[in-house]
Amino acid sequence: MKDIKINDIISFNWFFLCIVLLITIEVSSQEKKVLTPADYERWYHIFNYTLSPDANWIKYSIKNPKGNDTMVLRKINSPSKQVFMGATNGNFSPQADWYVFIKEQKLCYQSLHTGQTDTIHGIDNYSFAQSGKYLIGERKKDKELIVLNLDTKAIQVIQSVESHALSPDSTQLALIKGNESKRIIQILSFTKTKIANELAQFKGNISGLTWNSKGNGLAFFEASPQEENNTIHHELHYLKFNDKRLLKDIEQKSTASLPVTLQ
């Protein structure tokens, strides 16, 4: 019987190992799938992530390519989390005491201190006012605004609202209320009275409602039908008021006459 040297055995083992590795690599390369953009859409991914103003909470959404997206709310350094299927437009209040979102046309507002959640039905959009003390919900089809005091839970319903705009400091709400014959411009102050004060009336349609930077003036367009020649007459108006409510100047037709903040 021929003697087998140790070196021959080692050489054979290395040769056998190399053959196995080559076969494995070849099979692996044959089975490897080339990804396409269609495959990427099948993966879940996180988007719209935001920290609360006090950095104690985080919210984010998880995209579901086969259904409704999922919104997640969780407290920093806490393993627990809240999951809201199909929720959208989630935001923290400026003081980080409320978390608000919309789900199935319901305005949902949750206290971050107590965890209690309440809802208002039929809301399409919302905004915070006066540093988050108030919520303004919009019902576009009914032309209504729902003003909610988050401290007292008192609700004010404002009807026949064609458009609205918050002042830069969010302490005043400008309203365009209308019917078939006229348009009324009103100002609702959140810091003084909850009654909307009337500024002026116009016959034409109002659009482009915009505040100046100081919160004591409004600019907008008026479109008035001209029966004699069947045309539309357009005017640019600028309302400036003392004490943020009393009307000072009514009409200016040239942008050159507007303050720099509105040009």
Protein backbone atom coordinates (compact mmCIF):
# COMPACT_ATOMS: atom_id res chain seq x y z
CA MET A 1 0.00 0.00 0.00
CA LYS A 2 1.34 3.35 -1.10
CA ASP A 3 2.02 5.84 1.63
CA ILE A 4 0.02 9.10 1.48
CA LYS A 5 1.97 12.11 2.55
CA ILE A 6 0.56 14.78 4.84
CA ASN A 7 1.29 17.49 2.27
CA ASP A 8 -0.75 15.58 -0.32
CA ILE A 9 -3.73 15.46 2.04
CA ILE A 10 -3.55 19.19 2.75
CA SER A 11 -3.27 20.01 -0.94
CA PHE A 12 -6.29 17.85 -1.72
CA ASN A 13 -8.38 19.50 1.02
CA TRP A 14 -7.56 22.97 -0.26
CA PHE A 15 -8.43 21.93 -3.80
CA PHE A 16 -11.75 20.45 -2.66
CA LEU A 17 -12.58 23.60 -0.64
CA CYS A 18 -11.90 25.85 -3.63
CA ILE A 19 -14.20 23.72 -5.82
CA VAL A 20 -17.03 24.00 -3.25
CA LEU A 21 -16.61 27.79 -3.00
CA LEU A 22 -16.68 28.18 -6.78
CA ILE A 23 -19.87 26.13 -7.05
CA THR A 24 -21.49 28.15 -4.22
CA ILE A 25 -20.59 31.48 -5.81
CA GLU A 26 -21.90 30.33 -9.20
CA VAL A 27 -25.23 29.17 -7.75
CA SER A 28 -25.56 32.34 -5.70
CA SER A 29 -24.92 34.54 -8.73
CA GLN A 30 -27.54 32.64 -10.71
CA GLU A 31 -30.18 33.02 -7.97
CA LYS A 32 -29.47 36.73 -7.25
CA LYS A 33 -32.37 38.94 -8.37
CA VAL A 34 -31.91 42.34 -9.93
CA LEU A 35 -34.14 44.88 -8.16
CA THR A 36 -36.33 47.28 -10.15
CA PRO A 37 -38.25 50.43 -9.13
CA ALA A 38 -41.35 48.26 -8.85
CA ASP A 39 -39.60 46.25 -6.11
CA TYR A 40 -38.70 49.38 -4.18
CA GLU A 41 -42.39 50.32 -3.91
CA ARG A 42 -43.05 47.09 -2.04
CA TRP A 43 -40.87 48.15 0.85
CA TYR A 44 -42.21 50.09 3.80
CA HIS A 45 -40.41 53.30 4.62
CA ILE A 46 -40.62 56.11 7.16
CA PHE A 47 -41.41 59.71 6.22
CA ASN A 48 -42.85 62.94 7.72
CA TYR A 49 -40.95 62.51 10.98
CA THR A 50 -41.09 65.50 13.38
CA LEU A 51 -39.96 66.22 16.92
CA SER A 52 -42.26 68.07 19.29
CA PRO A 53 -41.16 71.64 20.24
CA ASP A 54 -39.98 70.38 23.65
CA ALA A 55 -38.18 67.39 22.04
CA ASN A 56 -40.07 64.91 24.26
CA TRP A 57 -42.18 63.35 21.49
CA ILE A 58 -41.69 62.21 17.94
CA LYS A 59 -44.21 61.47 15.24
CA TYR A 60 -43.64 59.78 11.90
CA SER A 61 -45.56 58.00 9.16
CA ILE A 62 -44.96 54.58 7.67
CA LYS A 63 -45.80 54.28 3.99
CA ASN A 64 -47.83 51.23 3.04
CA PRO A 65 -47.75 50.63 -0.74
CA LYS A 66 -50.73 48.28 -0.50
CA GLY A 67 -53.03 50.32 1.74
CA ASN A 68 -53.39 53.34 4.00
CA ASP A 69 -50.29 54.83 5.55
CA THR A 70 -49.76 54.49 9.30
CA MET A 71 -49.01 57.36 11.66
CA VAL A 72 -46.97 56.64 14.78
CA LEU A 73 -46.66 58.76 17.92
CA ARG A 74 -44.19 57.85 20.62
CA LYS A 75 -42.50 59.47 23.58
CA ILE A 76 -38.72 59.78 23.50
CA ASN A 77 -36.93 57.19 25.68
CA SER A 78 -40.14 55.17 25.99
CA PRO A 79 -40.74 51.76 24.35
CA SER A 80 -44.49 52.30 24.04
CA LYS A 81 -46.04 53.92 20.98
CA GLN A 82 -49.45 54.81 19.57
CA VAL A 83 -50.40 53.75 16.06
CA PHE A 84 -53.08 55.53 13.99
CA MET A 85 -54.01 53.67 10.81
CA GLY A 86 -54.99 55.97 7.94
CA ALA A 87 -54.33 59.19 9.89
CA THR A 88 -52.87 62.25 8.13
CA ASN A 89 -51.74 65.82 8.79
CA GLY A 90 -50.37 65.16 12.28
CA ASN A 91 -48.87 68.14 14.12
CA PHE A 92 -47.77 69.12 17.62
CA SER A 93 -49.16 72.29 19.16
CA PRO A 94 -46.64 75.15 19.55
CA GLN A 95 -46.48 74.54 23.32
CA ALA A 96 -46.12 70.75 22.86
CA ASP A 97 -49.20 70.03 24.98
CA TRP A 98 -51.43 68.70 22.17
CA TYR A 99 -51.09 66.35 19.23
CA VAL A 100 -53.62 66.87 16.44
CA PHE A 101 -54.36 64.89 13.28
CA ILE A 102 -57.16 64.11 10.82
CA LYS A 103 -58.61 60.66 10.29
CA GLU A 104 -61.64 59.90 8.13
CA GLN A 105 -62.64 63.60 8.13
CA LYS A 106 -62.49 63.73 11.90
CA LEU A 107 -60.34 66.26 13.71
CA CYS A 108 -58.62 64.33 16.51
CA TYR A 109 -56.84 66.20 19.29
CA GLN A 110 -54.99 64.38 22.05
CA SER A 111 -53.58 65.84 25.25
CA LEU A 112 -49.91 64.88 25.61
CA HIS A 113 -50.25 65.31 29.38
CA THR A 114 -53.28 63.09 30.04
CA GLY A 115 -53.53 61.04 26.84
CA GLN A 116 -57.23 61.88 26.44
CA THR A 117 -58.41 62.18 22.83
CA ASP A 118 -61.50 63.98 21.52
CA THR A 119 -62.83 64.43 17.98
CA ILE A 120 -64.86 66.81 15.84
CA HIS A 121 -66.54 65.33 12.78
CA GLY A 122 -66.59 66.64 9.22
CA ILE A 123 -63.27 68.53 9.26
CA ASP A 124 -61.15 68.84 6.10
CA ASN A 125 -58.25 70.91 7.43
CA TYR A 126 -57.13 72.74 10.56
CA SER A 127 -54.66 75.25 11.99
CA PHE A 128 -53.50 76.43 15.42
CA ALA A 129 -54.17 79.97 16.68
CA GLN A 130 -52.78 82.06 19.53
CA SER A 131 -49.78 79.84 20.30
CA GLY A 132 -51.86 76.68 20.17
CA LYS A 133 -54.61 77.75 22.55
CA TYR A 134 -57.20 77.51 19.77
CA LEU A 135 -57.85 75.06 16.96
CA ILE A 136 -59.54 76.24 13.77
CA GLY A 137 -61.21 73.43 11.83
CA GLU A 138 -62.52 73.95 8.30
CA ARG A 139 -65.62 72.40 6.73
CA LYS A 140 -65.20 73.36 3.10
CA LYS A 141 -68.45 71.92 1.76
CA ASP A 142 -70.57 73.65 4.42
CA LYS A 143 -68.46 76.84 4.35
CA GLU A 144 -68.02 76.66 8.11
CA LEU A 145 -65.17 77.27 10.53
CA ILE A 146 -65.08 75.51 13.90
CA VAL A 147 -63.12 77.47 16.51
CA LEU A 148 -62.18 75.30 19.49
CA ASN A 149 -60.70 76.58 22.74
CA LEU A 150 -58.43 73.71 23.81
CA ASP A 151 -58.39 74.89 27.43
CA THR A 152 -62.14 75.21 28.01
CA LYS A 153 -63.35 72.97 25.13
CA ALA A 154 -65.74 75.76 24.11
CA ILE A 155 -66.70 75.62 20.42
CA GLN A 156 -67.72 78.51 18.17
CA VAL A 157 -69.22 77.81 14.73
CA ILE A 158 -68.81 80.51 12.08
CA GLN A 159 -71.01 80.05 9.01
CA SER A 160 -70.99 81.36 5.42
CA VAL A 161 -67.19 81.67 5.35
CA GLU A 162 -65.85 81.97 1.81
CA SER A 163 -62.19 82.37 2.83
CA HIS A 164 -60.09 83.14 5.88
CA ALA A 165 -56.54 83.98 6.90
CA LEU A 166 -54.65 84.02 10.20
CA SER A 167 -52.52 87.03 11.12
CA PRO A 168 -48.73 86.47 11.25
CA ASP A 169 -48.80 86.11 15.06
CA SER A 170 -51.93 83.88 14.84
CA THR A 171 -53.88 86.10 17.28
CA GLN A 172 -56.41 87.36 14.71
CA LEU A 173 -58.54 85.65 12.10
CA ALA A 174 -59.70 87.55 9.01
CA LEU A 175 -62.96 86.27 7.52
CA ILE A 176 -64.74 86.79 4.22
CA LYS A 177 -68.43 86.05 4.75
CA GLY A 178 -70.82 86.34 1.87
CA ASN A 179 -74.23 85.92 0.32
CA GLU A 180 -75.65 86.64 -3.12
CA SER A 181 -75.54 90.43 -2.74
CA LYS A 182 -72.43 91.33 -0.69
CA ARG A 183 -69.18 90.25 0.91
CA ILE A 184 -68.37 91.18 4.52
CA ILE A 185 -64.85 91.35 5.91
CA GLN A 186 -64.62 90.58 9.62
CA ILE A 187 -61.82 90.25 12.16
CA LEU A 188 -61.96 87.77 15.03
CA SER A 189 -59.46 88.57 17.80
CA PHE A 190 -58.46 85.67 20.05
CA THR A 191 -56.87 87.94 22.64
CA LYS A 192 -59.77 90.36 23.21
CA THR A 193 -63.31 89.41 22.21
CA LYS A 194 -64.71 86.33 20.57
CA ILE A 195 -67.12 88.45 18.51
CA ALA A 196 -66.08 89.03 14.90
CA ASN A 197 -65.85 92.76 14.21
CA GLU A 198 -66.99 93.96 10.80
CA LEU A 199 -64.47 96.04 8.84
CA ALA A 200 -66.11 96.67 5.47
CA GLN A 201 -68.58 95.43 2.86
CA PHE A 202 -68.08 94.88 -0.86
CA LYS A 203 -70.37 93.83 -3.72
CA GLY A 204 -67.80 91.89 -5.74
CA ASN A 205 -66.12 88.55 -5.13
CA ILE A 206 -63.11 88.71 -2.80
CA SER A 207 -59.93 86.65 -3.27
CA GLY A 208 -56.25 86.65 -2.30
CA LEU A 209 -56.78 87.68 1.33
CA THR A 210 -53.35 88.54 2.79
CA TRP A 211 -52.15 90.13 6.05
CA ASN A 212 -49.32 92.63 6.33
CA SER A 213 -46.38 91.71 8.57
CA LYS A 214 -47.57 93.89 11.50
CA GLY A 215 -51.04 92.37 11.68
CA ASN A 216 -52.84 95.70 11.21
CA GLY A 217 -53.64 95.57 7.50
CA LEU A 218 -55.21 93.34 4.86
CA ALA A 219 -54.84 93.25 1.09
CA PHE A 220 -57.16 91.45 -1.32
CA PHE A 221 -58.67 91.54 -4.82
CA GLU A 222 -62.28 92.40 -5.67
CA ALA A 223 -63.89 91.25 -8.93
CA SER A 224 -67.11 93.09 -9.80
CA PRO A 225 -69.32 92.27 -12.82
CA GLN A 226 -70.03 95.27 -15.10
CA GLU A 227 -73.53 94.87 -16.53
CA GLU A 228 -73.19 97.66 -19.12
CA ASN A 229 -70.39 95.96 -21.08
CA ASN A 230 -70.59 92.42 -19.66
CA THR A 231 -67.05 92.48 -18.26
CA ILE A 232 -65.37 91.95 -14.89
CA HIS A 233 -63.83 94.94 -13.12
CA HIS A 234 -60.83 94.10 -10.91
CA GLU A 235 -59.61 96.20 -8.00
CA LEU A 236 -56.86 95.76 -5.45
CA HIS A 237 -57.80 96.85 -1.91
CA TYR A 238 -55.71 97.50 1.15
CA LEU A 239 -57.41 97.86 4.53
CA LYS A 240 -55.40 99.33 7.35
CA PHE A 241 -56.89 99.67 10.82
CA ASN A 242 -55.89 101.30 14.09
CA ASP A 243 -55.88 99.17 17.23
CA LYS A 244 -56.01 96.23 14.80
CA ARG A 245 -59.75 96.73 14.27
CA LEU A 246 -60.71 100.31 13.34
CA LEU A 247 -60.60 100.94 9.61
CA LYS A 248 -58.21 103.68 8.47
CA ASP A 249 -57.75 103.44 4.70
CA ILE A 250 -60.07 101.47 2.45
CA GLU A 251 -58.93 101.40 -1.14
CA GLN A 252 -55.68 101.64 -3.04
CA LYS A 253 -55.56 100.52 -6.67
CA SER A 254 -51.79 100.50 -7.26
CA THR A 255 -49.30 98.07 -5.80
CA ALA A 256 -46.81 100.96 -5.75
CA SER A 257 -48.91 102.49 -2.97
CA LEU A 258 -48.91 99.36 -0.84
CA PRO A 259 -46.48 98.93 2.04
CA VAL A 260 -43.28 97.03 1.28
CA THR A 261 -44.51 93.98 3.22
CA LEU A 262 -47.40 93.54 0.77
CA GLN A 263 -45.71 94.36 -2.55
